[in-house]
Amino acid sequence: MHIETLSLITALQSLALAAMMWAGTRSRPGRAHTGLLLRAAALAVASLGWGALALQAWLSPAQMLLGGNAFNLIAQGMGVIALRMLLGEPLRWRLVVAIGVLGYLGVAWFGLIDPDYRSRVLWGSVAIIANILLQVQALVAGRSRARTVLLVTCTMSALLVIWRCGQLWLGSSVLGGLTEPSAINYFYILFAGMQPLFASVAFLLLYNEILQRELHLLARLDPLTGVNNRLALTEAAGRLMRGAARRGKPVGVLLLDADHFKGVNDRFGHAVGDKALRELVSNIRAKLRANDVIGRIGGEEFVVLVPDTTLQDALALAERIRATVECTPLLVDGQTLQLTTSIGATVAALDEGDFAAVLRRADAALYAAKRAGRNQVVVSSGNGSGCESGAMLSA
């Protein structure tokens, strides 16, 4: 098989992979949409580079050298940025551009001004290795099957480039170019042409992993306020309660309810009410630690999980939240809203594994706070005696 034929097959393969990825961006938009679209564009540009090699009989040596290498270096840079974008890593686009420009200048210099094929290949290979290292640096930041496949693909690509340089610099003869019919060039083009296929499959696997994580996250978030929903809250409570048993430190549970919130919806409308809930969550979060967990279990009711805390500490946190809500008017769509909140507080015993039972105690304390006039904190000790007298804090 001729080198031109191998190059044409690789060009068509890259174009087909680009079309497949482009179709994927249309059918499954999401967080990774831009990265996948850029990867598709990179494959399309790479197909032009391979196409230049396939059409060498109709191009001048300068056109093939400058055009083919320009397309290939641009495609490599776009591929690096696409991967880093998909993984949420810093794009490093200035470095990518610098690598591409320096690589191209070196190839052009040793191709046209001071012709030296071995130096030209070495200069281009350094640019390829630099781009591969930028991809590897992004991939090693996490672990997954797709990342492993991409790491293997990057490693094989780097070894292929190093092998070709070694053959040129250590071999007994110097070839005239990639278009020369030789075993080295056949082998290089064959395996270099397979790399886009392996990399694209791994890229799509990585894209699918990211989508699955996003779906997992969305299934556990309250769409209105962005905090955990009941499912996520229950899962978090289970983890924290198991950890409490190991550490010997209990988990505090606060159940909060915005007082008379139905009146807000009735007077100002649900749109204003929804914004008010988001502002309320923001005020509550301002009083929480990084490892505290907040979730919405329905309507205007929220639960806060406070790991490694005592009953008195949970009570103090509840009071800080209550005071913050009372003293922070909410400005929503030109309307000033003054909210208050009632809070039931309790702790899960170290040997307690039933979160529903803990939540029932907090709910009983919340109900007691509402019966006492709202805008209060009531604590339940969790000893089976219900809400303790004297454990009520009012404004």
Protein backbone atom coordinates (compact mmCIF):
# COMPACT_ATOMS: atom_id res chain seq x y z
CA MET A 1 0.00 0.00 0.00
CA HIS A 2 1.32 3.44 -0.94
CA ILE A 3 1.98 6.14 1.64
CA GLU A 4 -0.52 8.36 -0.16
CA THR A 5 -3.20 5.70 0.25
CA LEU A 6 -2.46 5.27 3.97
CA SER A 7 -2.60 9.03 4.42
CA LEU A 8 -5.91 9.29 2.56
CA ILE A 9 -7.44 6.53 4.72
CA THR A 10 -6.27 8.33 7.87
CA ALA A 11 -7.68 11.64 6.60
CA LEU A 12 -11.08 10.06 5.91
CA GLN A 13 -11.03 8.30 9.28
CA SER A 14 -10.31 11.57 11.10
CA LEU A 15 -13.10 13.28 9.19
CA ALA A 16 -15.55 10.50 10.08
CA LEU A 17 -14.56 10.69 13.75
CA ALA A 18 -15.04 14.47 13.67
CA ALA A 19 -18.55 14.04 12.24
CA MET A 20 -19.40 11.47 14.92
CA MET A 21 -18.27 13.77 17.72
CA TRP A 22 -20.04 16.74 16.19
CA ALA A 23 -23.23 14.69 16.09
CA GLY A 24 -22.67 13.82 19.74
CA THR A 25 -22.54 17.51 20.68
CA ARG A 26 -25.88 18.07 19.01
CA SER A 27 -27.67 15.15 20.63
CA ARG A 28 -26.23 15.39 24.17
CA PRO A 29 -25.49 18.98 25.15
CA GLY A 30 -24.07 19.48 28.61
CA ARG A 31 -21.10 20.56 30.62
CA ALA A 32 -18.61 18.92 28.25
CA HIS A 33 -20.28 20.23 25.09
CA THR A 34 -17.59 22.75 24.16
CA GLY A 35 -14.73 20.33 24.79
CA LEU A 36 -16.26 17.65 22.61
CA LEU A 37 -17.03 20.17 19.87
CA LEU A 38 -13.43 21.42 19.93
CA ARG A 39 -12.15 17.84 19.76
CA ALA A 40 -14.32 17.29 16.67
CA ALA A 41 -12.88 20.44 15.10
CA ALA A 42 -9.35 19.26 15.90
CA LEU A 43 -9.99 15.98 14.08
CA ALA A 44 -11.35 17.87 11.08
CA VAL A 45 -8.23 20.05 10.95
CA ALA A 46 -6.01 16.97 11.33
CA SER A 47 -7.76 15.40 8.36
CA LEU A 48 -6.56 18.36 6.27
CA GLY A 49 -2.99 17.67 7.33
CA TRP A 50 -3.25 14.02 6.35
CA GLY A 51 -5.01 15.08 3.17
CA ALA A 52 -2.02 17.25 2.22
CA LEU A 53 0.21 14.19 2.54
CA ALA A 54 -2.19 12.14 0.44
CA LEU A 55 -2.27 14.80 -2.30
CA GLN A 56 1.48 15.33 -2.45
CA ALA A 57 1.55 14.67 -6.20
CA TRP A 58 -0.56 17.82 -6.75
CA LEU A 59 1.26 20.04 -4.24
CA SER A 60 4.66 21.64 -4.28
CA PRO A 61 7.14 20.54 -1.57
CA ALA A 62 6.79 23.93 0.13
CA GLN A 63 2.98 23.77 0.10
CA MET A 64 2.98 20.28 1.54
CA LEU A 65 5.58 21.15 4.18
CA LEU A 66 4.04 24.42 5.34
CA GLY A 67 0.38 23.45 4.89
CA GLY A 68 0.55 19.91 6.24
CA ASN A 69 2.58 20.83 9.34
CA ALA A 70 0.42 23.88 10.03
CA PHE A 71 -2.75 21.77 10.03
CA ASN A 72 -1.15 19.07 12.20
CA LEU A 73 0.24 21.47 14.80
CA ILE A 74 -3.04 23.40 14.98
CA ALA A 75 -4.95 20.13 15.41
CA GLN A 76 -2.62 19.02 18.20
CA GLY A 77 -3.06 22.30 20.06
CA MET A 78 -6.84 22.19 19.69
CA GLY A 79 -6.81 18.61 20.99
CA VAL A 80 -4.86 19.62 24.08
CA ILE A 81 -7.23 22.49 24.88
CA ALA A 82 -10.28 20.29 24.21
CA LEU A 83 -9.07 17.65 26.68
CA ARG A 84 -8.18 20.16 29.37
CA MET A 85 -11.53 21.87 28.87
CA LEU A 86 -13.35 18.57 29.20
CA LEU A 87 -11.49 17.74 32.42
CA GLY A 88 -12.03 21.20 33.91
CA GLU A 89 -8.28 21.91 34.01
CA PRO A 90 -6.68 25.32 33.24
CA LEU A 91 -6.52 25.58 29.46
CA ARG A 92 -2.90 26.85 29.29
CA TRP A 93 -3.75 28.15 25.84
CA ARG A 94 -0.87 30.63 25.74
CA LEU A 95 1.59 27.79 26.28
CA VAL A 96 -0.20 25.70 23.67
CA VAL A 97 0.01 28.55 21.15
CA ALA A 98 3.69 29.09 21.95
CA ILE A 99 4.44 25.39 21.41
CA GLY A 100 2.65 25.44 18.07
CA VAL A 101 4.33 28.63 16.83
CA LEU A 102 7.84 27.54 17.86
CA GLY A 103 7.31 24.09 16.41
CA TYR A 104 6.11 25.54 13.12
CA LEU A 105 8.97 28.03 12.89
CA GLY A 106 11.49 25.26 13.48
CA VAL A 107 9.91 23.02 10.86
CA ALA A 108 9.79 25.89 8.35
CA TRP A 109 13.40 26.90 9.03
CA PHE A 110 14.88 23.43 8.65
CA GLY A 111 12.56 22.66 5.79
CA LEU A 112 13.07 25.71 3.54
CA ILE A 113 15.80 28.05 4.79
CA ASP A 114 18.41 25.63 6.14
CA PRO A 115 17.18 22.23 4.90
CA ASP A 116 17.97 19.47 7.39
CA TYR A 117 15.40 16.69 7.59
CA ARG A 118 16.61 15.22 10.86
CA SER A 119 16.58 18.60 12.62
CA ARG A 120 13.18 19.35 11.14
CA VAL A 121 11.74 16.10 12.51
CA LEU A 122 13.41 16.69 15.87
CA TRP A 123 11.95 20.20 16.12
CA GLY A 124 8.47 19.01 15.25
CA SER A 125 8.79 16.06 17.62
CA VAL A 126 9.63 18.34 20.54
CA ALA A 127 6.38 20.23 19.90
CA ILE A 128 4.43 16.95 19.76
CA ILE A 129 5.97 15.70 23.03
CA ALA A 130 5.25 19.04 24.74
CA ASN A 131 1.58 18.80 23.75
CA ILE A 132 1.44 15.19 24.95
CA LEU A 133 2.89 16.23 28.33
CA LEU A 134 0.18 18.88 28.71
CA GLN A 135 -2.43 16.18 28.14
CA VAL A 136 -0.77 13.78 30.57
CA GLN A 137 -0.58 16.49 33.23
CA ALA A 138 -4.35 16.95 32.97
CA LEU A 139 -5.11 13.22 32.90
CA VAL A 140 -3.12 12.22 36.00
CA ALA A 141 -5.21 14.60 38.15
CA GLY A 142 -7.90 11.90 38.44
CA ARG A 143 -8.56 8.21 37.95
CA SER A 144 -10.99 6.48 35.62
CA ARG A 145 -11.01 3.89 32.88
CA ALA A 146 -11.20 6.51 30.14
CA ARG A 147 -8.30 8.46 31.65
CA THR A 148 -6.23 5.28 31.69
CA VAL A 149 -6.98 4.59 28.02
CA LEU A 150 -6.02 8.15 27.11
CA LEU A 151 -2.83 7.91 29.16
CA VAL A 152 -1.87 4.71 27.35
CA THR A 153 -2.64 6.37 24.00
CA CYS A 154 -0.50 9.40 24.90
CA THR A 155 2.34 7.14 26.03
CA MET A 156 2.21 5.11 22.81
CA SER A 157 2.18 8.32 20.76
CA ALA A 158 5.20 9.66 22.62
CA LEU A 159 7.09 6.38 22.20
CA LEU A 160 6.28 6.37 18.48
CA VAL A 161 7.68 9.88 18.05
CA ILE A 162 10.79 9.03 20.07
CA TRP A 163 11.29 5.82 18.07
CA ARG A 164 11.11 7.71 14.77
CA CYS A 165 13.63 10.30 15.97
CA GLY A 166 15.91 7.53 17.12
CA GLN A 167 15.70 5.81 13.76
CA LEU A 168 16.58 9.03 11.96
CA TRP A 169 19.42 10.09 14.24
CA LEU A 170 20.91 6.68 15.00
CA GLY A 171 20.16 4.89 11.74
CA SER A 172 22.72 4.34 9.05
CA SER A 173 20.91 6.46 6.47
CA VAL A 174 18.96 9.72 6.50
CA LEU A 175 15.61 9.65 4.75
CA GLY A 176 14.49 12.39 2.42
CA GLY A 177 11.09 12.92 4.05
CA LEU A 178 7.92 11.32 5.29
CA THR A 179 6.82 10.71 1.71
CA GLU A 180 9.82 8.49 0.97
CA PRO A 181 8.79 4.83 0.59
CA SER A 182 10.49 3.14 3.55
CA ALA A 183 9.61 0.72 6.32
CA ILE A 184 10.09 3.45 8.93
CA ASN A 185 7.66 5.81 7.21
CA TYR A 186 5.09 3.07 6.56
CA PHE A 187 5.20 1.99 10.19
CA TYR A 188 5.03 5.58 11.47
CA ILE A 189 2.07 6.59 9.29
CA LEU A 190 0.19 3.37 10.03
CA PHE A 191 0.40 3.71 13.80
CA ALA A 192 0.11 7.49 13.82
CA GLY A 193 -3.09 7.05 11.81
CA MET A 194 -4.49 4.64 14.41
CA GLN A 195 -3.89 7.08 17.27
CA PRO A 196 -6.89 9.37 16.48
CA LEU A 197 -9.21 6.36 16.60
CA PHE A 198 -8.00 5.16 20.01
CA ALA A 199 -7.88 8.70 21.41
CA SER A 200 -11.38 9.51 20.12
CA VAL A 201 -12.88 6.36 21.65
CA ALA A 202 -11.26 7.22 24.98
CA PHE A 203 -12.39 10.85 24.65
CA LEU A 204 -15.98 9.72 24.17
CA LEU A 205 -15.66 7.37 27.16
CA LEU A 206 -14.40 10.28 29.24
CA TYR A 207 -17.24 12.47 28.00
CA ASN A 208 -19.72 9.77 28.99
CA GLU A 209 -18.15 9.47 32.45
CA ILE A 210 -18.53 13.21 32.97
CA LEU A 211 -22.17 13.10 31.84
CA GLN A 212 -22.85 10.23 34.23
CA ARG A 213 -21.32 12.20 37.10
CA GLU A 214 -23.42 15.22 36.18
CA LEU A 215 -26.59 13.11 36.10
CA HIS A 216 -25.64 11.59 39.46
CA LEU A 217 -25.17 15.09 40.86
CA LEU A 218 -28.37 16.47 39.36
CA ALA A 219 -30.34 13.57 40.83
CA ARG A 220 -29.15 14.68 44.26
CA LEU A 221 -29.60 18.44 44.04
CA ASP A 222 -32.64 20.55 44.76
CA PRO A 223 -33.24 22.36 41.46
CA LEU A 224 -34.58 25.51 43.09
CA THR A 225 -31.94 26.27 45.72
CA GLY A 226 -28.98 24.18 44.53
CA VAL A 227 -28.55 22.42 47.89
CA ASN A 228 -28.86 18.71 48.51
CA ASN A 229 -32.25 17.09 48.08
CA ARG A 230 -33.71 14.48 50.44
CA LEU A 231 -31.90 11.60 48.73
CA ALA A 232 -28.49 13.25 48.94
CA LEU A 233 -29.17 14.41 52.48
CA THR A 234 -30.06 10.89 53.60
CA GLU A 235 -26.89 9.51 51.97
CA ALA A 236 -24.76 12.20 53.61
CA ALA A 237 -26.37 11.57 56.99
CA GLY A 238 -25.58 7.85 56.72
CA ARG A 239 -21.91 8.57 55.95
CA LEU A 240 -21.59 11.14 58.74
CA MET A 241 -23.30 8.94 61.33
CA ARG A 242 -21.04 5.99 60.49
CA GLY A 243 -18.04 8.30 60.75
CA ALA A 244 -19.29 9.62 64.08
CA ALA A 245 -19.26 6.11 65.53
CA ARG A 246 -15.62 5.68 64.47
CA ARG A 247 -14.46 9.09 65.70
CA GLY A 248 -16.53 9.17 68.87
CA LYS A 249 -18.02 12.56 67.99
CA PRO A 250 -21.78 12.93 67.38
CA VAL A 251 -23.56 14.59 64.47
CA GLY A 252 -25.83 17.53 65.09
CA VAL A 253 -29.08 17.80 63.10
CA LEU A 254 -30.96 21.07 62.65
CA LEU A 255 -34.41 21.20 61.05
CA LEU A 256 -35.33 24.71 59.90
CA ASP A 257 -38.62 26.09 58.64
CA ALA A 258 -39.23 29.62 57.33
CA ASP A 259 -42.08 31.09 59.37
CA HIS A 260 -45.30 32.11 57.60
CA PHE A 261 -43.71 31.57 54.22
CA LYS A 262 -47.03 30.79 52.59
CA GLY A 263 -47.91 34.44 53.14
CA VAL A 264 -44.88 35.48 51.06
CA ASN A 265 -46.07 33.38 48.14
CA ASP A 266 -49.65 34.57 48.49
CA ARG A 267 -48.70 38.24 48.67
CA PHE A 268 -45.80 38.53 46.23
CA GLY A 269 -46.16 35.43 44.05
CA HIS A 270 -44.18 32.22 43.77
CA ALA A 271 -41.44 33.78 41.64
CA VAL A 272 -40.54 36.14 44.47
CA GLY A 273 -40.95 33.31 46.96
CA ASP A 274 -38.50 31.14 45.04
CA LYS A 275 -35.90 33.92 44.99
CA ALA A 276 -36.46 34.50 48.69
CA LEU A 277 -35.72 30.83 49.40
CA ARG A 278 -32.45 31.08 47.49
CA GLU A 279 -31.48 34.17 49.48
CA LEU A 280 -32.45 32.38 52.69
CA VAL A 281 -30.17 29.46 51.79
CA SER A 282 -27.33 31.89 51.11
CA ASN A 283 -27.73 33.43 54.56
CA ILE A 284 -27.80 30.02 56.23
CA ARG A 285 -24.71 28.86 54.35
CA ALA A 286 -22.81 31.92 55.54
CA LYS A 287 -22.97 30.49 59.08
CA LEU A 288 -21.89 26.95 58.21
CA ARG A 289 -18.48 25.33 58.14
CA ALA A 290 -17.04 23.77 54.99
CA ASN A 291 -17.87 20.24 56.17
CA ASP A 292 -21.43 21.02 57.27
CA VAL A 293 -24.18 19.75 54.95
CA ILE A 294 -27.39 21.54 54.07
CA GLY A 295 -30.37 20.11 52.20
CA ARG A 296 -33.95 20.94 51.36
CA ILE A 297 -36.54 18.33 52.23
CA GLY A 298 -39.61 20.14 50.95
CA GLY A 299 -41.33 23.50 50.75
CA GLU A 300 -39.49 25.92 53.01
CA GLU A 301 -37.98 23.20 55.24
CA PHE A 302 -34.22 22.65 55.37
CA VAL A 303 -31.94 20.29 57.25
CA VAL A 304 -28.40 21.06 58.35
CA LEU A 305 -26.04 18.22 59.32
CA VAL A 306 -23.25 19.31 61.65
CA PRO A 307 -20.53 16.66 62.08
CA ASP A 308 -18.24 16.45 65.11
CA THR A 309 -20.40 18.61 67.35
CA THR A 310 -22.08 18.53 70.74
CA LEU A 311 -25.67 19.30 71.61
CA GLN A 312 -24.67 22.70 73.01
CA ASP A 313 -22.64 23.53 69.90
CA ALA A 314 -25.56 22.53 67.67
CA LEU A 315 -27.84 24.73 69.75
CA ALA A 316 -25.44 27.67 69.46
CA LEU A 317 -25.20 27.27 65.67
CA ALA A 318 -28.98 27.10 65.39
CA GLU A 319 -29.30 30.33 67.33
CA ARG A 320 -26.72 32.07 65.11
CA ILE A 321 -28.67 31.01 62.04
CA ARG A 322 -31.97 32.15 63.56
CA ALA A 323 -30.54 35.54 64.50
CA THR A 324 -28.95 36.02 61.07
CA VAL A 325 -32.21 35.29 59.28
CA GLU A 326 -34.14 37.66 61.55
CA CYS A 327 -31.62 40.49 61.19
CA THR A 328 -31.07 40.20 57.43
CA PRO A 329 -33.95 41.62 55.37
CA LEU A 330 -34.15 40.16 51.87
CA LEU A 331 -34.38 42.48 48.87
CA VAL A 332 -36.08 40.53 46.08
CA ASP A 333 -37.33 42.22 42.89
CA GLY A 334 -37.64 45.53 44.68
CA GLN A 335 -39.54 43.97 47.58
CA THR A 336 -38.08 43.96 51.10
CA LEU A 337 -38.93 40.75 52.93
CA GLN A 338 -38.38 40.19 56.62
CA LEU A 339 -38.22 36.46 57.33
CA THR A 340 -37.83 34.53 60.53
CA THR A 341 -37.19 30.86 61.06
CA SER A 342 -38.05 28.22 63.62
CA ILE A 343 -35.45 25.54 64.29
CA GLY A 344 -35.49 22.14 65.94
CA ALA A 345 -32.08 20.85 67.01
CA THR A 346 -30.84 17.44 68.14
CA VAL A 347 -27.83 15.15 67.87
CA ALA A 348 -27.51 11.59 66.66
CA ALA A 349 -26.17 9.23 69.31
CA LEU A 350 -22.85 7.56 68.48
CA ASP A 351 -24.48 4.15 68.15
CA GLU A 352 -27.53 5.48 66.30
CA GLY A 353 -27.90 4.43 62.68
CA ASP A 354 -31.49 5.45 61.91
CA PHE A 355 -31.46 8.94 60.42
CA ALA A 356 -35.26 8.92 60.10
CA ALA A 357 -35.55 8.59 63.89
CA VAL A 358 -33.13 11.48 64.41
CA LEU A 359 -35.09 13.59 61.96
CA ARG A 360 -38.32 12.81 63.81
CA ARG A 361 -36.78 14.16 67.02
CA ALA A 362 -35.69 17.33 65.24
CA ASP A 363 -39.17 17.64 63.75
CA ALA A 364 -40.75 17.32 67.20
CA ALA A 365 -38.47 20.09 68.46
CA LEU A 366 -39.35 22.25 65.43
CA TYR A 367 -43.05 21.73 66.11
CA ALA A 368 -42.51 22.79 69.72
CA ALA A 369 -40.77 25.96 68.54
CA LYS A 370 -43.71 26.80 66.31
CA ARG A 371 -46.23 26.17 69.06
CA ALA A 372 -44.24 28.49 71.32
CA GLY A 373 -44.61 31.38 68.89
CA ARG A 374 -42.07 30.74 66.09
CA ASN A 375 -38.71 32.49 65.51
CA GLN A 376 -37.23 30.24 68.17
CA VAL A 377 -34.85 27.33 68.65
CA VAL A 378 -35.89 24.23 70.55
CA VAL A 379 -33.51 21.39 71.26
CA SER A 380 -34.27 17.71 71.75
CA SER A 381 -31.65 15.84 73.75
CA GLY A 382 -32.39 12.54 72.04
CA ASN A 383 -32.74 10.68 75.33
CA GLY A 384 -36.31 9.71 74.68
CA SER A 385 -37.81 12.36 76.96
CA GLY A 386 -38.76 14.71 74.14
CA CYS A 387 -37.93 18.40 74.12
CA GLU A 388 -36.29 19.57 77.30
CA SER A 389 -37.72 22.45 79.22
CA GLY A 390 -35.41 25.41 79.35
CA ALA A 391 -33.81 24.47 76.02
CA MET A 392 -35.77 27.11 74.17
CA LEU A 393 -34.14 30.26 72.89
CA SER A 394 -36.34 33.13 71.73
CA ALA A 395 -35.55 36.34 69.95
